[in-house]
Protein backbone atom coordinates (compact mmCIF):
# COMPACT_ATOMS: atom_id res chain seq x y z
CA MET A 1 42.35 68.88 -27.54
CA SER A 2 42.94 71.12 -24.53
CA PRO A 3 41.45 70.25 -21.13
CA GLN A 4 39.17 73.30 -21.35
CA GLN A 5 37.82 72.12 -24.72
CA VAL A 6 37.12 68.69 -23.24
CA LEU A 7 35.26 70.35 -20.34
CA ASP A 8 33.27 72.57 -22.71
CA GLU A 9 32.35 69.56 -24.84
CA ALA A 10 31.18 67.66 -21.74
CA LYS A 11 29.12 70.68 -20.65
CA SER A 12 27.45 70.92 -24.07
CA LYS A 13 26.69 67.17 -24.10
CA LEU A 14 25.13 67.40 -20.64
CA LYS A 15 22.99 70.36 -21.77
CA LYS A 16 21.80 68.38 -24.80
CA ILE A 17 20.88 65.41 -22.61
CA ASP A 18 19.03 67.71 -20.20
CA SER A 19 17.07 69.45 -22.97
CA HIS A 20 16.20 66.09 -24.56
CA PHE A 21 14.92 64.94 -21.16
CA GLY A 22 12.75 68.06 -20.95
CA GLU A 23 11.31 67.33 -24.40
CA GLU A 24 10.56 63.74 -23.38
CA LEU A 25 8.71 64.97 -20.29
CA LYS A 26 6.54 67.27 -22.41
CA LYS A 27 5.19 64.23 -24.25
CA LEU A 28 3.76 62.71 -21.06
CA ARG A 29 0.09 63.36 -20.30
CA THR A 30 -0.78 65.43 -17.27
CA GLY A 31 -4.56 65.38 -17.51
CA ARG A 32 -4.83 68.65 -19.37
CA ALA A 33 -4.72 69.08 -23.13
CA SER A 34 -1.45 70.14 -24.73
CA ALA A 35 -0.48 70.16 -28.40
CA SER A 36 2.85 68.56 -27.48
CA MET A 37 0.95 65.41 -26.41
CA LEU A 38 0.73 64.49 -30.09
CA ASP A 39 4.44 65.01 -30.81
CA GLY A 40 5.81 61.82 -32.25
CA VAL A 41 2.45 60.64 -33.67
CA MET A 42 2.95 59.76 -37.32
CA ALA A 43 0.17 59.63 -39.91
CA GLU A 44 0.39 57.95 -43.33
CA ALA A 45 -0.21 60.77 -45.83
CA TYR A 46 0.79 61.10 -49.47
CA GLY A 47 2.34 57.63 -49.29
CA THR A 48 4.79 58.39 -46.49
CA PRO A 49 4.55 58.62 -42.68
CA MET A 50 4.53 62.24 -41.57
CA PRO A 51 4.37 63.93 -38.13
CA LEU A 52 0.94 65.35 -37.31
CA ASN A 53 2.28 68.88 -36.91
CA GLN A 54 3.25 68.80 -40.62
CA LEU A 55 -0.27 67.74 -41.64
CA ALA A 56 -2.40 69.96 -39.41
CA THR A 57 -2.65 72.75 -36.88
CA ILE A 58 -2.96 71.39 -33.35
CA THR A 59 -4.56 73.60 -30.69
CA ALA A 60 -5.96 73.18 -27.19
CA PRO A 61 -9.04 75.43 -27.05
CA GLU A 62 -10.07 73.97 -23.67
CA ALA A 63 -8.23 72.23 -20.85
CA GLN A 64 -9.80 68.88 -21.76
CA LEU A 65 -9.88 69.12 -25.57
CA LEU A 66 -7.44 69.07 -28.49
CA GLN A 67 -8.52 70.38 -31.87
CA ILE A 68 -6.69 69.34 -35.02
CA THR A 69 -7.37 71.26 -38.23
CA PRO A 70 -5.80 69.50 -41.25
CA PHE A 71 -4.19 71.62 -43.95
CA ASP A 72 -5.68 69.19 -46.50
CA PRO A 73 -9.23 67.97 -45.61
CA ASN A 74 -8.48 64.67 -47.42
CA ASN A 75 -6.14 63.74 -44.53
CA LEU A 76 -8.90 63.94 -41.90
CA GLN A 77 -9.47 60.16 -41.67
CA VAL A 78 -5.74 59.42 -41.70
CA ILE A 79 -5.13 61.79 -38.78
CA SER A 80 -8.02 60.30 -36.76
CA ALA A 81 -6.74 56.78 -37.40
CA ALA A 82 -3.17 57.67 -36.40
CA ILE A 83 -4.32 59.09 -33.05
CA ARG A 84 -6.73 56.21 -32.40
CA ASP A 85 -4.11 53.57 -33.27
CA ASN A 86 -1.47 55.04 -30.94
CA GLN A 87 -1.98 52.82 -27.89
CA SER A 88 0.29 54.83 -25.59
CA LEU A 89 -2.03 57.85 -25.87
CA GLY A 90 -5.30 56.00 -25.27
CA LEU A 91 -7.33 58.73 -26.97
CA ASN A 92 -10.50 58.47 -29.06
CA PRO A 93 -10.72 61.24 -31.68
CA ALA A 94 -13.94 62.34 -33.39
CA ASP A 95 -14.16 64.30 -36.64
CA ASP A 96 -16.97 66.43 -38.05
CA GLY A 97 -15.72 66.58 -41.64
CA ARG A 98 -13.57 69.69 -41.07
CA VAL A 99 -11.68 69.23 -37.81
CA VAL A 100 -10.69 66.39 -35.50
CA ARG A 101 -11.61 66.87 -31.86
CA VAL A 102 -9.85 64.77 -29.25
CA PRO A 103 -11.42 64.84 -25.78
CA ILE A 104 -8.83 64.30 -23.07
CA PRO A 105 -10.31 62.07 -20.36
CA PRO A 106 -9.37 62.85 -16.78
CA LEU A 107 -6.60 60.63 -15.46
CA THR A 108 -7.42 57.93 -12.93
CA GLU A 109 -5.25 57.56 -9.84
CA GLU A 110 -3.81 54.33 -11.26
CA ARG A 111 -2.95 56.00 -14.58
CA ARG A 112 -1.33 58.92 -12.75
CA ARG A 113 0.91 56.48 -10.90
CA GLU A 114 1.84 54.73 -14.17
CA ILE A 115 2.78 58.04 -15.78
CA SER A 116 4.74 58.99 -12.68
CA LYS A 117 6.71 55.74 -13.06
CA GLN A 118 7.41 56.69 -16.69
CA VAL A 119 8.84 60.00 -15.47
CA ARG A 120 11.16 58.11 -13.10
CA ALA A 121 12.23 55.73 -15.92
CA LYS A 122 12.99 58.66 -18.23
CA LEU A 123 14.95 60.34 -15.43
CA GLU A 124 17.01 57.19 -14.92
CA ASP A 125 17.76 57.01 -18.68
CA CYS A 126 18.82 60.65 -18.58
CA LEU A 127 21.12 60.04 -15.57
CA ILE A 128 22.69 57.01 -17.27
CA LYS A 129 23.52 59.14 -20.33
CA MET A 130 24.96 61.84 -18.07
CA ARG A 131 27.12 59.31 -16.22
CA ALA A 132 28.43 58.03 -19.57
CA VAL A 133 29.51 61.58 -20.50
CA ARG A 134 31.22 61.95 -17.11
CA HIS A 135 32.98 58.59 -17.53
CA GLU A 136 34.15 59.48 -21.05
CA THR A 137 35.46 62.88 -19.91
CA LEU A 138 37.29 61.46 -16.90
CA ASN A 139 38.87 58.78 -19.12
CA THR A 140 40.11 61.52 -21.46
CA PHE A 141 41.76 63.29 -18.52
CA ASP A 142 43.25 60.02 -17.20
CA GLN A 143 44.76 59.35 -20.61
CA ALA A 144 46.16 62.88 -20.78
CA LYS A 145 47.69 62.35 -17.33
CA LYS A 146 49.29 59.05 -18.45
CA ASP A 147 50.65 60.75 -21.56
CA LYS A 148 52.10 63.47 -19.28
CA ASP A 149 50.05 66.18 -21.07
CA ILE A 150 48.63 67.35 -17.74
CA SER A 151 49.88 67.11 -14.16
CA GLU A 152 48.37 65.12 -11.28
CA ASP A 153 47.08 68.31 -9.64
CA GLN A 154 45.58 69.56 -12.88
CA ALA A 155 43.90 66.18 -13.46
CA SER A 156 42.32 66.18 -10.00
CA ARG A 157 41.16 69.80 -10.44
CA LEU A 158 39.60 68.91 -13.80
CA ALA A 159 37.97 65.81 -12.30
CA SER A 160 36.36 67.93 -9.57
CA GLN A 161 35.10 70.38 -12.23
CA VAL A 162 33.55 67.44 -14.11
CA GLU A 163 31.88 66.28 -10.89
CA ASP A 164 30.51 69.80 -10.33
CA LEU A 165 29.10 69.87 -13.88
CA MET A 166 27.56 66.44 -13.36
CA ASN A 167 25.98 67.39 -10.02
CA SER A 168 24.51 70.55 -11.48
CA ALA A 169 23.05 68.71 -14.49
CA LYS A 170 21.70 65.96 -12.23
CA GLN A 171 19.98 68.50 -9.97
CA ASP A 172 18.38 70.18 -13.00
CA ALA A 173 17.06 66.86 -14.31
CA GLU A 174 15.73 65.81 -10.89
CA ALA A 175 14.03 69.20 -10.45
CA GLN A 176 12.32 68.83 -13.85
CA ALA A 177 11.21 65.30 -12.96
CA SER A 178 9.78 66.25 -9.56
CA LYS A 179 7.96 69.24 -11.11
CA LYS A 180 6.44 66.96 -13.75
CA GLU A 181 5.46 64.35 -11.15
CA LYS A 182 3.77 67.03 -9.05
CA GLU A 183 1.92 68.25 -12.16
CA ILE A 184 0.78 64.69 -12.95
CA MET A 185 -0.37 63.88 -9.44
CA THR A 186 -2.35 67.14 -9.12
CA VAL A 187 -6.01 66.44 -9.73
């Protein structure tokens, strides 16, 4: 594998880690209703666990309300139970026989701080994964240098390019995290 291919692979891995981090941040509550809040909630339907978005349409008609319209009305109770039983959400759904309405309570200051800590923990996980990619890439270049496939100068140039990629990805992740924290702490 050429050095440029190794660099491109590292860049693509860093992008994947960054986009995964962004998806993880979307799942965190900010005090306003968002359909993505229910991503990852599984409901037992037709004998198998299924994601809610495959069982119903999820909308946010108001800033403090989620509305879930099941495709099959028989799944109404199952959907309510799945949301109620998910402790990390802390939501209490109500159904009227056709749709499930989930009021989103305003966040307390204490809960905002807890969620902010979750953002920091997710950022740290993201940075650890990024450092692993950097380490793996630098090891590949070190091995190529030992095998005399690349020169010392080329190895140091490649290492600085890897560092630049890493710094850029780290700045992106930190910017996403601070934006999310600001969003959470805004009342």
